[in-house]
Amino acid sequence: MQNDLDNHRSRAADAFQRLLMLMEKLRSPDGCAWDREQTLKSLRPFIIEETYEVVDAIDRQDVDSLRNELGDYLLEAVFVAQICFESGNFHIAESLDAICDKLVRRHPHVFGQNKTGLKLSANQVRTQWEQIKASEQTNDGRAPSLIGGIPSALPGLLRAYRLGRRTATVGFDWADLKDIDAKVQEELVELDEARKSGSHESVEEELGDLLFTIANLARHLDIEPEAALQKANQKFSKRFEQLEIVFKRRKQALRDVSAEDLEIEWQRIKQSEQTES
C-alpha cells in the first residue's frame, strides 16, 4: 500500500512539473499567440466555467469526466500563476506552500503537539477553524471578520448558505427547524404585504429575505441549496423537453397549445416518471 502511495505521489509530481513546463512554453515568445494574449481578467470566465464543469461532473457522478475536468481546472490555476510569475508577483510554488501551511496551521488536532484526532466533532473542527482564522487576521493587522472571506461573487443561494453556516459557528442561528419554519412563514406574510403595497422595491427586498431564509432552511436540513436548485432545474428541463417532443409529434407548436392541455401532458410526464421509479 505504501509503495502504491509513493508511486502516485511521484507520478503526480512529474505530471504537475510537465504541466508547468507546457504552460511556460505556451506563454513564451515562440509559444501560442492566444495564450500569450491572455490576462487575469480574460481568464476569469474560463475559471468560472471550468469550476462549474467540475461540479457538473460530480453531480452526474461521471468519474471519467471528473478526471478530465479536474485537469482543466488545474490548468486554469497554473495559467493564472504563470501570468503572475511573469509580472514578478509570485510563483505557483508559493501558492502551494501557502495552502499547505494553512492546512497544518488550522488542523492542530491533527498536526499539532497535542493531537486529538477524531476526538473533535466536525462542528468543533469548524469552530476551531474560524477561531484560528480570526486570530490570523488579528496577527496580520486586519480587523477579524467572520464573514469577510466569503466571496461576494458566489451565486446568491450558495452565498446565503455559506453566510448562515459561518455565523452559526458562533451561535448566531435559529435554535431548531421549528423556529426557521416560523421565519419562512413570517417572510411569506411580509412578501404578500409588499405585493399589496405595489412597491417593486419592497417586493424585491422581501423576496430576497425569503430566499435567504430558504437557503438557511436548507442548511438546517443538511442540504446545499444551490445543488438542490440545480437538480430542480435539471428535472424541469428534462420534463419540458419531453413536453416539446410530445407536441412536436402531434405537429403542434407549444404556443398554439392551451394551458390546460399543457398541464395535462405535464402531469402525465410526472406520473410516468413516478411509475418508472
Protein backbone atom coordinates (compact mmCIF):
# COMPACT_ATOMS: atom_id res chain seq x y z
CA MET A 1 0.00 0.00 0.00
CA GLN A 2 2.78 2.45 0.93
CA ASN A 3 4.57 1.68 -2.32
CA ASP A 4 1.40 2.48 -4.26
CA LEU A 5 1.06 5.80 -2.44
CA ASP A 6 4.70 6.66 -3.12
CA ASN A 7 4.22 5.85 -6.82
CA HIS A 8 1.10 8.02 -7.05
CA ARG A 9 2.90 10.93 -5.37
CA SER A 10 5.85 10.57 -7.74
CA ARG A 11 3.58 10.44 -10.79
CA ALA A 12 1.63 13.48 -9.56
CA ALA A 13 4.84 15.46 -9.07
CA ASP A 14 6.08 14.54 -12.56
CA ALA A 15 2.72 15.34 -14.18
CA PHE A 16 2.47 18.69 -12.40
CA GLN A 17 6.02 19.57 -13.44
CA ARG A 18 5.11 18.71 -17.04
CA LEU A 19 2.05 20.98 -16.87
CA LEU A 20 4.18 23.86 -15.56
CA MET A 21 6.68 23.39 -18.38
CA LEU A 22 3.94 23.25 -21.01
CA MET A 23 2.41 26.48 -19.74
CA GLU A 24 5.81 28.20 -19.69
CA LYS A 25 6.27 27.12 -23.33
CA LEU A 26 2.81 28.31 -24.38
CA ARG A 27 3.40 31.73 -22.83
CA SER A 28 6.91 32.07 -24.28
CA PRO A 29 7.73 34.20 -27.37
CA ASP A 30 7.82 31.06 -29.54
CA GLY A 31 4.66 29.62 -27.93
CA CYS A 32 0.99 30.26 -28.69
CA ALA A 33 -0.31 33.70 -29.70
CA TRP A 34 -3.66 33.17 -27.96
CA ASP A 35 -2.09 32.01 -24.69
CA ARG A 36 0.33 34.96 -24.70
CA GLU A 37 -2.57 37.41 -25.07
CA GLN A 38 -4.45 36.19 -22.01
CA THR A 39 -4.67 38.27 -18.84
CA LEU A 40 -6.06 37.66 -15.37
CA LYS A 41 -9.24 39.42 -16.44
CA SER A 42 -9.64 37.46 -19.67
CA LEU A 43 -9.18 34.15 -17.82
CA ARG A 44 -11.92 34.95 -15.31
CA PRO A 45 -14.84 33.47 -17.34
CA PHE A 46 -12.81 30.33 -18.11
CA ILE A 47 -12.07 29.82 -14.40
CA ILE A 48 -15.79 30.07 -13.60
CA GLU A 49 -16.72 27.78 -16.48
CA GLU A 50 -14.21 25.11 -15.53
CA THR A 51 -15.35 25.26 -11.92
CA TYR A 52 -18.93 24.56 -12.94
CA GLU A 53 -17.86 21.77 -15.26
CA VAL A 54 -16.14 20.06 -12.32
CA VAL A 55 -19.32 20.48 -10.27
CA ASP A 56 -21.42 19.16 -13.15
CA ALA A 57 -19.28 16.02 -13.42
CA ILE A 58 -19.69 15.48 -9.67
CA ASP A 59 -23.46 15.91 -9.92
CA ARG A 60 -23.60 13.41 -12.78
CA GLN A 61 -21.33 11.03 -10.86
CA ASP A 62 -19.26 10.77 -14.04
CA VAL A 63 -15.82 9.80 -12.74
CA ASP A 64 -14.17 9.73 -16.17
CA SER A 65 -15.43 13.22 -16.93
CA LEU A 66 -14.41 14.39 -13.46
CA ARG A 67 -10.85 13.19 -14.06
CA ASN A 68 -10.60 15.28 -17.22
CA GLU A 69 -12.40 18.32 -15.81
CA LEU A 70 -10.06 18.41 -12.82
CA GLY A 71 -7.19 18.63 -15.30
CA ASP A 72 -8.84 21.63 -16.98
CA TYR A 73 -9.44 23.16 -13.55
CA LEU A 74 -5.76 22.77 -12.61
CA LEU A 75 -4.75 24.26 -15.94
CA GLU A 76 -6.55 27.49 -15.08
CA ALA A 77 -4.72 27.69 -11.74
CA VAL A 78 -1.36 27.14 -13.44
CA PHE A 79 -2.28 29.66 -16.17
CA VAL A 80 -3.11 32.35 -13.60
CA ALA A 81 0.02 31.65 -11.58
CA GLN A 82 2.22 31.80 -14.69
CA ILE A 83 0.87 35.26 -15.57
CA CYS A 84 1.51 36.41 -12.00
CA PHE A 85 5.04 34.99 -12.09
CA GLU A 86 5.78 36.83 -15.34
CA SER A 87 4.60 40.04 -13.66
CA GLY A 88 7.05 39.47 -10.80
CA ASN A 89 4.35 38.70 -8.24
CA PHE A 90 4.60 35.06 -7.17
CA HIS A 91 5.23 31.53 -8.41
CA ILE A 92 2.69 28.75 -8.01
CA ALA A 93 5.08 27.05 -5.59
CA GLU A 94 4.30 29.87 -3.17
CA SER A 95 0.58 29.19 -3.59
CA LEU A 96 1.13 25.52 -2.84
CA ASP A 97 3.26 26.35 0.20
CA ALA A 98 0.59 28.77 1.41
CA ILE A 99 -2.24 26.23 1.31
CA CYS A 100 -0.07 23.51 2.88
CA ASP A 101 0.93 25.84 5.71
CA LYS A 102 -2.69 26.85 6.22
CA LEU A 103 -3.87 23.24 6.41
CA VAL A 104 -1.27 22.41 9.04
CA ARG A 105 -1.91 25.60 10.99
CA ARG A 106 -5.69 25.19 11.05
CA HIS A 107 -5.63 21.48 11.95
CA PRO A 108 -3.75 21.49 15.26
CA HIS A 109 -5.82 18.48 16.35
CA VAL A 110 -4.10 16.51 13.58
CA PHE A 111 -0.68 18.12 13.16
CA GLY A 112 -0.12 19.87 16.49
CA GLN A 113 1.78 18.64 19.52
CA ASN A 114 -1.42 17.73 21.35
CA LYS A 115 -3.06 15.68 18.65
CA THR A 116 -6.69 14.91 19.46
CA GLY A 117 -7.53 13.50 16.03
CA LEU A 118 -11.06 12.19 15.78
CA LYS A 119 -11.90 13.30 19.32
CA LEU A 120 -13.18 16.58 17.86
CA SER A 121 -16.55 16.53 16.12
CA ALA A 122 -16.99 18.06 12.68
CA ASN A 123 -18.75 21.07 14.26
CA GLN A 124 -15.92 21.54 16.76
CA VAL A 125 -13.38 21.42 13.95
CA ARG A 126 -15.34 24.06 12.02
CA THR A 127 -15.50 26.31 15.07
CA GLN A 128 -11.77 25.85 15.72
CA TRP A 129 -11.04 26.72 12.07
CA GLU A 130 -12.91 30.02 12.36
CA GLN A 131 -11.21 30.88 15.66
CA ILE A 132 -7.76 30.26 14.18
CA LYS A 133 -8.68 32.25 11.08
CA ALA A 134 -9.80 35.22 13.21
CA SER A 135 -6.54 35.03 15.17
CA GLU A 136 -4.54 35.06 11.93
CA GLN A 137 -6.39 38.14 10.73
CA THR A 138 -5.63 39.93 14.00
CA ASN A 139 -1.94 38.99 13.80
CA ASP A 140 -1.82 40.33 10.24
CA GLY A 141 -3.25 43.64 11.39
CA ARG A 142 -6.62 43.06 9.78
CA ALA A 143 -9.91 43.53 11.58
CA PRO A 144 -11.16 39.97 12.08
CA SER A 145 -14.42 39.30 10.27
CA LEU A 146 -16.24 36.02 10.46
CA ILE A 147 -17.89 36.51 7.09
CA GLY A 148 -15.32 38.73 5.39
CA GLY A 149 -13.71 35.87 3.49
CA ILE A 150 -16.91 34.66 1.80
CA PRO A 151 -16.63 35.74 -1.86
CA SER A 152 -19.29 38.22 -2.94
CA ALA A 153 -19.18 36.70 -6.44
CA LEU A 154 -20.67 33.39 -5.25
CA PRO A 155 -24.14 32.52 -6.57
CA GLY A 156 -26.74 34.10 -4.29
CA LEU A 157 -28.18 30.93 -2.77
CA LEU A 158 -24.74 29.45 -2.15
CA ARG A 159 -23.51 32.67 -0.52
CA ALA A 160 -26.59 32.82 1.72
CA TYR A 161 -25.92 29.21 2.74
CA ARG A 162 -22.25 29.97 3.47
CA LEU A 163 -23.10 33.11 5.44
CA GLY A 164 -25.53 31.19 7.62
CA ARG A 165 -23.13 28.31 8.14
CA ARG A 166 -20.31 30.66 9.07
CA THR A 167 -22.30 32.74 11.57
CA ALA A 168 -23.75 29.58 13.11
CA THR A 169 -20.27 28.69 14.37
CA VAL A 170 -20.60 31.47 16.97
CA GLY A 171 -24.19 30.60 17.88
CA PHE A 172 -25.89 33.21 15.67
CA ASP A 173 -28.53 30.88 14.29
CA TRP A 174 -32.07 29.61 14.71
CA ALA A 175 -32.33 27.11 17.53
CA ASP A 176 -34.17 24.43 15.57
CA LEU A 177 -36.27 23.72 12.48
CA LYS A 178 -39.45 24.90 14.19
CA ASP A 179 -38.01 28.39 14.56
CA ILE A 180 -36.82 28.61 10.99
CA ASP A 181 -40.15 27.25 9.71
CA ALA A 182 -41.82 30.11 11.55
CA LYS A 183 -39.37 32.55 9.94
CA VAL A 184 -40.25 31.24 6.48
CA GLN A 185 -43.96 31.85 7.19
CA GLU A 186 -43.15 35.33 8.51
CA GLU A 187 -41.25 36.18 5.33
CA LEU A 188 -44.11 34.90 3.18
CA VAL A 189 -46.53 37.20 5.01
CA GLU A 190 -44.17 40.16 4.57
CA LEU A 191 -43.79 39.37 0.87
CA ASP A 192 -47.56 39.28 0.48
CA GLU A 193 -47.87 42.66 2.23
CA ALA A 194 -45.20 44.12 -0.06
CA ARG A 195 -47.04 42.87 -3.13
CA LYS A 196 -50.22 44.55 -1.91
CA SER A 197 -48.33 47.80 -1.39
CA GLY A 198 -47.47 47.95 -5.08
CA SER A 199 -43.83 48.84 -4.34
CA HIS A 200 -41.49 46.92 -6.63
CA GLU A 201 -38.50 47.70 -4.38
CA SER A 202 -40.31 46.33 -1.33
CA VAL A 203 -41.28 43.18 -3.20
CA GLU A 204 -37.67 42.68 -4.29
CA GLU A 205 -36.41 43.17 -0.73
CA GLU A 206 -38.93 40.80 0.84
CA LEU A 207 -38.39 38.17 -1.85
CA GLY A 208 -34.66 38.37 -1.13
CA ASP A 209 -35.34 37.90 2.58
CA LEU A 210 -37.48 34.86 1.80
CA LEU A 211 -34.81 33.31 -0.42
CA PHE A 212 -32.16 33.97 2.24
CA THR A 213 -34.32 32.21 4.83
CA ILE A 214 -34.98 29.30 2.46
CA ALA A 215 -31.22 28.91 1.97
CA ASN A 216 -30.80 28.65 5.72
CA LEU A 217 -33.70 26.22 5.99
CA ALA A 218 -31.78 24.05 3.53
CA ARG A 219 -28.71 24.33 5.76
CA HIS A 220 -30.69 23.11 8.76
CA LEU A 221 -31.91 20.21 6.64
CA ASP A 222 -28.26 19.45 5.73
CA ILE A 223 -28.92 20.24 2.07
CA GLU A 224 -26.79 22.55 -0.06
CA PRO A 225 -29.42 24.82 -1.68
CA GLU A 226 -27.52 25.64 -4.87
CA ALA A 227 -27.17 21.93 -5.66
CA ALA A 228 -30.82 21.32 -4.80
CA LEU A 229 -31.91 24.13 -7.12
CA GLN A 230 -29.70 22.82 -9.91
CA LYS A 231 -31.33 19.40 -9.57
CA ALA A 232 -34.74 21.05 -9.75
CA ASN A 233 -33.61 22.94 -12.87
CA GLN A 234 -32.43 19.70 -14.46
CA LYS A 235 -35.68 17.95 -13.59
CA PHE A 236 -37.74 20.81 -15.05
CA SER A 237 -35.59 20.91 -18.21
CA LYS A 238 -35.93 17.17 -18.75
CA ARG A 239 -39.71 17.28 -18.36
CA PHE A 240 -40.09 20.34 -20.58
CA GLU A 241 -38.00 18.73 -23.32
CA GLN A 242 -40.29 15.70 -23.16
CA LEU A 243 -43.26 18.07 -23.39
CA GLU A 244 -41.81 19.61 -26.54
CA ILE A 245 -41.30 16.16 -28.08
CA VAL A 246 -44.89 15.13 -27.37
CA PHE A 247 -46.43 18.13 -29.12
CA LYS A 248 -43.86 18.08 -31.91
CA ARG A 249 -45.04 14.54 -32.70
CA ARG A 250 -48.58 15.91 -32.79
CA LYS A 251 -47.33 18.64 -35.15
CA GLN A 252 -48.40 21.32 -32.68
CA ALA A 253 -46.33 24.35 -31.69
CA LEU A 254 -46.33 24.88 -27.94
CA ARG A 255 -47.54 28.46 -28.38
CA ASP A 256 -50.69 27.08 -30.01
CA VAL A 257 -51.45 24.58 -27.23
CA SER A 258 -53.86 25.59 -24.46
CA ALA A 259 -52.58 25.98 -20.92
CA GLU A 260 -54.96 23.21 -19.88
CA ASP A 261 -53.57 20.73 -22.43
CA LEU A 262 -50.01 21.64 -21.45
CA GLU A 263 -50.79 20.97 -17.79
CA ILE A 264 -52.48 17.66 -18.58
CA GLU A 265 -49.43 16.44 -20.52
CA TRP A 266 -47.07 17.81 -17.84
CA GLN A 267 -48.83 15.78 -15.17
CA ARG A 268 -48.74 12.71 -17.39
CA ILE A 269 -44.95 13.07 -17.76
CA LYS A 270 -44.57 13.42 -14.00
CA GLN A 271 -46.75 10.36 -13.41
CA SER A 272 -44.70 8.40 -15.94
CA GLU A 273 -41.51 9.24 -14.00
CA GLN A 274 -43.06 8.07 -10.74
CA THR A 275 -44.17 4.81 -12.36
CA GLU A 276 -40.67 4.16 -13.74
CA SER A 277 -39.07 4.78 -10.33
